[in-house]
């Protein structure tokens, strides 16, 4: 686990306009990508793209949100801790796992909860998915829960998913990936459904090649209020999505 470094002084005012306000809930979509719009060198491969100062920025952003959301592919390939190491903020992991393919018990998140360094996850599953009583009890004892939602055409409706989280007191969500989740949200946004409020993309100076996992929604998305920040290595784009 890399240590955080001090947040560059110019980042805090740069990010201020894109941080959560009142929402139901407020959604920030953020990820790091290469120059060729890849977020990993290949399926299931952990790939370091960003500099330590933008890694610190990620944890600063987490400190401004109630929850952090990722998809099944991210927890299976990265086994992330999904906690916040900035200002000891407690952020709720949310994992979208329709058929319950990920096992929480024994995961890095489970270890983080056991050490007192994080919260247990809310796991979004299809309403028809069965959960063994022991697994359900284990998650609830840790402070997490399975959130059951109906799917249409094999997909959760993002608005319904976010509304369900709001019912549990989550007023802001930071979505970090992976590619399937990011592309799905961007397409949903392009259809005029408007669930994403802020877009924060870190661009690292590397090409990951044509075997990489890319972010490229099937429809046009036009961010507005675009601003850029440049650091030691990376550039960060902040924008609004209407």
Protein backbone atom coordinates (compact mmCIF):
# COMPACT_ATOMS: atom_id res chain seq x y z
CA UNK A 1 0.00 0.00 0.00
CA UNK A 2 1.56 3.29 -1.11
CA UNK A 3 1.81 6.07 1.43
CA UNK A 4 -0.05 9.28 0.78
CA UNK A 5 1.91 12.46 0.28
CA UNK A 6 0.71 15.99 1.12
CA UNK A 7 -2.06 17.20 -1.16
CA UNK A 8 -0.64 19.80 -3.59
CA UNK A 9 -1.95 23.18 -2.35
CA UNK A 10 -3.39 24.11 -5.75
CA UNK A 11 -5.61 21.00 -5.93
CA UNK A 12 -8.05 21.88 -3.17
CA UNK A 13 -9.34 25.13 -4.74
CA UNK A 14 -9.25 23.50 -8.19
CA UNK A 15 -11.57 20.70 -7.07
CA UNK A 16 -13.89 22.87 -4.95
CA UNK A 17 -16.50 23.56 -7.65
CA UNK A 18 -16.88 19.86 -8.42
CA UNK A 19 -17.39 18.49 -4.90
CA UNK A 20 -20.74 17.24 -3.56
CA UNK A 21 -23.59 19.60 -2.92
CA UNK A 22 -27.15 18.71 -2.04
CA UNK A 23 -28.20 15.79 -4.22
CA UNK A 24 -30.23 12.59 -4.21
CA UNK A 25 -27.47 11.57 -4.15
CA UNK A 26 -24.68 13.69 -5.68
CA UNK A 27 -22.57 11.51 -8.00
CA UNK A 28 -18.92 12.01 -8.92
CA UNK A 29 -17.49 9.79 -11.67
CA UNK A 30 -13.70 9.60 -11.40
CA UNK A 31 -10.96 7.38 -12.77
CA UNK A 32 -7.38 7.41 -14.07
CA UNK A 33 -6.60 6.69 -17.71
CA UNK A 34 -3.66 6.50 -20.08
CA UNK A 35 -3.13 8.76 -23.08
CA UNK A 36 -4.97 6.19 -25.20
CA UNK A 37 -8.01 6.16 -22.86
CA UNK A 38 -7.19 2.84 -21.19
CA UNK A 39 -7.74 2.26 -17.48
CA UNK A 40 -5.82 -1.04 -17.34
CA UNK A 41 -3.21 -2.83 -19.45
CA UNK A 42 -5.59 -5.77 -19.88
CA UNK A 43 -8.66 -7.44 -18.38
CA UNK A 44 -8.08 -8.23 -14.72
CA UNK A 45 -4.66 -6.58 -14.61
CA UNK A 46 -3.82 -4.07 -11.88
CA UNK A 47 -2.16 -1.16 -13.64
CA UNK A 48 -0.50 1.85 -12.03
CA UNK A 49 -1.24 4.96 -14.09
CA UNK A 50 -1.27 7.91 -11.70
CA UNK A 51 1.40 9.70 -9.66
CA UNK A 52 1.39 9.70 -5.85
CA UNK A 53 0.02 13.24 -5.77
CA UNK A 54 -3.10 12.23 -7.72
CA UNK A 55 -3.36 9.08 -5.58
CA UNK A 56 -3.56 11.45 -2.62
CA UNK A 57 -6.16 13.45 -4.56
CA UNK A 58 -8.27 10.31 -4.87
CA UNK A 59 -8.32 9.85 -1.10
CA UNK A 60 -9.06 13.56 -0.65
CA UNK A 61 -12.06 13.13 -2.96
CA UNK A 62 -13.16 10.07 -1.01
CA UNK A 63 -13.12 12.19 2.15
CA UNK A 64 -15.83 14.38 0.59
CA UNK A 65 -18.23 11.52 -0.21
CA UNK A 66 -20.45 9.16 1.75
CA UNK A 67 -19.86 6.12 -0.46
CA UNK A 68 -17.50 4.73 -3.08
CA UNK A 69 -18.98 2.50 -5.81
CA UNK A 70 -17.26 -0.09 -7.99
CA UNK A 71 -18.37 -2.99 -10.14
CA UNK A 72 -17.76 -6.71 -9.88
CA UNK A 73 -14.70 -6.67 -12.15
CA UNK A 74 -12.86 -4.24 -9.89
CA UNK A 75 -13.28 -6.26 -6.69
CA UNK A 76 -12.38 -9.51 -8.44
CA UNK A 77 -9.24 -8.20 -10.14
CA UNK A 78 -7.94 -5.64 -7.63
CA UNK A 79 -9.28 -6.83 -4.25
CA UNK A 80 -9.33 -3.17 -3.15
CA UNK A 81 -9.68 -1.88 0.41
CA UNK A 82 -12.13 0.84 -0.65
CA UNK A 83 -11.51 2.96 2.42
CA UNK A 84 -10.31 6.53 2.89
CA UNK A 85 -6.84 7.37 4.21
CA UNK A 86 -7.39 11.12 4.20
CA UNK A 87 -8.53 12.75 7.47
CA UNK A 88 -9.69 9.37 8.81
CA UNK A 89 -12.97 9.74 6.90
CA UNK A 90 -15.31 6.73 6.96
CA UNK A 91 -16.61 5.97 3.50
CA UNK A 92 -19.09 3.21 2.63
CA UNK A 93 -18.01 0.76 -0.10
CA UNK A 94 -20.75 -0.14 -2.58
CA UNK A 95 -20.18 -3.14 -4.85
CA UNK A 96 -22.45 -3.82 -7.85
CA UNK A 97 -22.52 -7.61 -8.03
CA UNK A 98 -25.87 -8.77 -9.49
CA UNK A 99 -25.34 -12.55 -9.15
CA UNK A 100 -23.21 -12.40 -5.99
CA UNK A 101 -20.03 -13.67 -7.63
CA UNK A 102 -17.72 -11.85 -5.20
CA UNK A 103 -17.11 -13.29 -1.74
CA UNK A 104 -16.88 -10.63 0.95
CA UNK A 105 -15.61 -12.83 3.76
CA UNK A 106 -11.81 -12.91 3.67
CA UNK A 107 -11.53 -10.07 1.15
CA UNK A 108 -9.30 -7.06 1.68
CA UNK A 109 -12.40 -5.00 2.53
CA UNK A 110 -13.26 -7.55 5.20
CA UNK A 111 -9.74 -7.22 6.62
CA UNK A 112 -10.00 -3.44 6.53
CA UNK A 113 -13.24 -3.61 8.49
CA UNK A 114 -11.71 -6.02 11.03
CA UNK A 115 -8.78 -3.68 11.62
CA UNK A 116 -11.14 -0.74 12.20
CA UNK A 117 -9.94 1.11 9.10
CA UNK A 118 -13.10 0.97 7.01
CA UNK A 119 -16.79 0.20 6.72
CA UNK A 120 -18.45 -2.98 5.52
CA UNK A 121 -19.94 -2.80 2.02
CA UNK A 122 -23.41 -2.49 0.65
CA UNK A 123 -23.58 -5.13 -2.09
CA UNK A 124 -26.10 -4.52 -4.88
CA UNK A 125 -27.57 -7.80 -6.06
CA UNK A 126 -30.42 -8.87 -8.32
CA UNK A 127 -33.63 -9.32 -6.37
CA UNK A 128 -33.76 -12.97 -7.47
CA UNK A 129 -30.22 -13.80 -6.31
CA UNK A 130 -30.09 -16.14 -3.34
CA UNK A 131 -27.72 -15.42 -0.48
CA UNK A 132 -26.75 -18.15 2.01
CA UNK A 133 -27.94 -17.30 5.51
CA UNK A 134 -24.42 -17.53 6.90
CA UNK A 135 -23.04 -15.06 4.33
CA UNK A 136 -25.95 -12.67 4.93
CA UNK A 137 -25.45 -12.84 8.70
CA UNK A 138 -21.68 -12.35 8.40
CA UNK A 139 -22.06 -9.21 6.30
CA UNK A 140 -24.76 -7.74 8.53
CA UNK A 141 -22.70 -8.42 11.67
CA UNK A 142 -19.92 -6.34 10.12
CA UNK A 143 -22.34 -3.47 9.46
CA UNK A 144 -22.93 -4.09 5.75
CA UNK A 145 -25.95 -5.35 3.83
CA UNK A 146 -27.17 -6.84 0.60
CA UNK A 147 -29.35 -4.39 -1.32
CA UNK A 148 -31.76 -6.25 -3.60
CA UNK A 149 -32.97 -4.53 -6.77
CA UNK A 150 -34.86 -5.61 -9.88
CA UNK A 151 -33.01 -5.58 -13.19
CA UNK A 152 -34.39 -4.92 -16.66
CA UNK A 153 -32.60 -6.44 -19.65
CA UNK A 154 -29.82 -7.63 -17.38
CA UNK A 155 -29.08 -4.11 -16.17
CA UNK A 156 -29.80 -2.13 -13.03
CA UNK A 157 -31.40 1.25 -13.58
CA UNK A 158 -28.90 3.77 -12.23
CA UNK A 159 -31.53 6.14 -10.89
CA UNK A 160 -33.26 3.38 -8.95
CA UNK A 161 -29.93 2.14 -7.63
CA UNK A 162 -28.95 5.60 -6.39
CA UNK A 163 -32.38 6.17 -4.89
CA UNK A 164 -32.00 2.91 -2.98
CA UNK A 165 -28.67 4.10 -1.56
CA UNK A 166 -30.25 7.42 -0.60
CA UNK A 167 -32.80 5.49 1.47
CA UNK A 168 -29.88 4.29 3.59
CA UNK A 169 -28.64 7.83 4.17
CA UNK A 170 -26.05 8.01 1.39
CA UNK A 171 -26.09 11.55 0.05
CA UNK A 172 -23.01 11.41 -2.19
CA UNK A 173 -21.39 8.64 -4.22
CA UNK A 174 -17.94 8.52 -5.77
CA UNK A 175 -17.89 6.05 -8.68
CA UNK A 176 -14.41 4.69 -9.43
CA UNK A 177 -14.96 1.92 -11.95
CA UNK A 178 -14.30 -0.33 -13.65
CA UNK A 179 -14.77 0.18 -17.37
CA UNK A 180 -18.18 -1.51 -17.58
CA UNK A 181 -19.59 0.69 -14.82
CA UNK A 182 -18.00 3.86 -16.22
CA UNK A 183 -19.22 3.25 -19.78
CA UNK A 184 -22.68 2.30 -18.55
CA UNK A 185 -23.00 5.50 -16.54
CA UNK A 186 -21.81 7.64 -19.44
CA UNK A 187 -24.30 6.03 -21.82
CA UNK A 188 -27.07 6.52 -19.23
CA UNK A 189 -26.03 10.17 -19.03
CA UNK A 190 -26.10 10.55 -22.82
CA UNK A 191 -29.72 9.37 -22.83
CA UNK A 192 -30.71 12.44 -20.83
CA UNK A 193 -31.18 10.67 -17.51
CA UNK A 194 -28.58 12.83 -15.77
CA UNK A 195 -27.34 10.98 -12.68
CA UNK A 196 -23.66 12.06 -12.82
CA UNK A 197 -22.93 15.54 -11.49
CA UNK A 198 -19.12 15.79 -11.69
CA UNK A 199 -16.54 14.09 -13.88
CA UNK A 200 -12.92 13.98 -12.65
CA UNK A 201 -10.43 12.20 -14.89
CA UNK A 202 -6.71 11.80 -14.23
CA UNK A 203 -4.58 11.38 -17.37
CA UNK A 204 -1.20 9.71 -16.93
CA UNK A 205 1.62 10.01 -19.50
CA UNK A 206 1.60 6.44 -20.76
CA UNK A 207 0.15 4.43 -23.64
CA UNK A 208 -1.23 1.02 -22.62
CA UNK A 209 -1.82 -0.36 -26.10
CA UNK A 210 -4.63 -2.07 -27.96
CA UNK A 211 -4.93 -4.90 -25.42
CA UNK A 212 -5.85 -2.40 -22.72
CA UNK A 213 -9.27 -1.96 -21.14
CA UNK A 214 -10.74 1.27 -22.44
CA UNK A 215 -13.35 3.85 -21.56
CA UNK A 216 -15.36 4.64 -24.68
CA UNK A 217 -19.14 4.91 -24.33
CA UNK A 218 -21.26 3.95 -27.32
CA UNK A 219 -22.86 7.40 -27.47
CA UNK A 220 -21.58 10.96 -27.46
CA UNK A 221 -21.15 12.68 -24.10
CA UNK A 222 -20.35 16.38 -23.93
CA UNK A 223 -18.91 17.56 -20.59
CA UNK A 224 -19.26 21.25 -19.70
CA UNK A 225 -17.47 23.69 -17.37
CA UNK A 226 -14.20 21.92 -18.18
CA UNK A 227 -11.02 22.88 -16.29
CA UNK A 228 -7.54 21.33 -16.20
CA UNK A 229 -4.83 20.97 -13.56
CA UNK A 230 -1.27 19.77 -14.18
CA UNK A 231 1.07 18.28 -11.60
CA UNK A 232 4.47 16.62 -11.48
CA UNK A 233 3.38 13.90 -13.92
CA UNK A 234 -0.38 13.81 -14.41
CA UNK A 235 -3.07 16.13 -15.67
CA UNK A 236 -6.55 16.20 -14.17
CA UNK A 237 -9.72 17.22 -15.99
CA UNK A 238 -12.75 18.32 -14.02
CA UNK A 239 -16.10 18.86 -15.72
CA UNK A 240 -19.82 18.93 -15.16
CA UNK A 241 -22.21 16.49 -16.77
CA UNK A 242 -25.67 17.90 -17.32
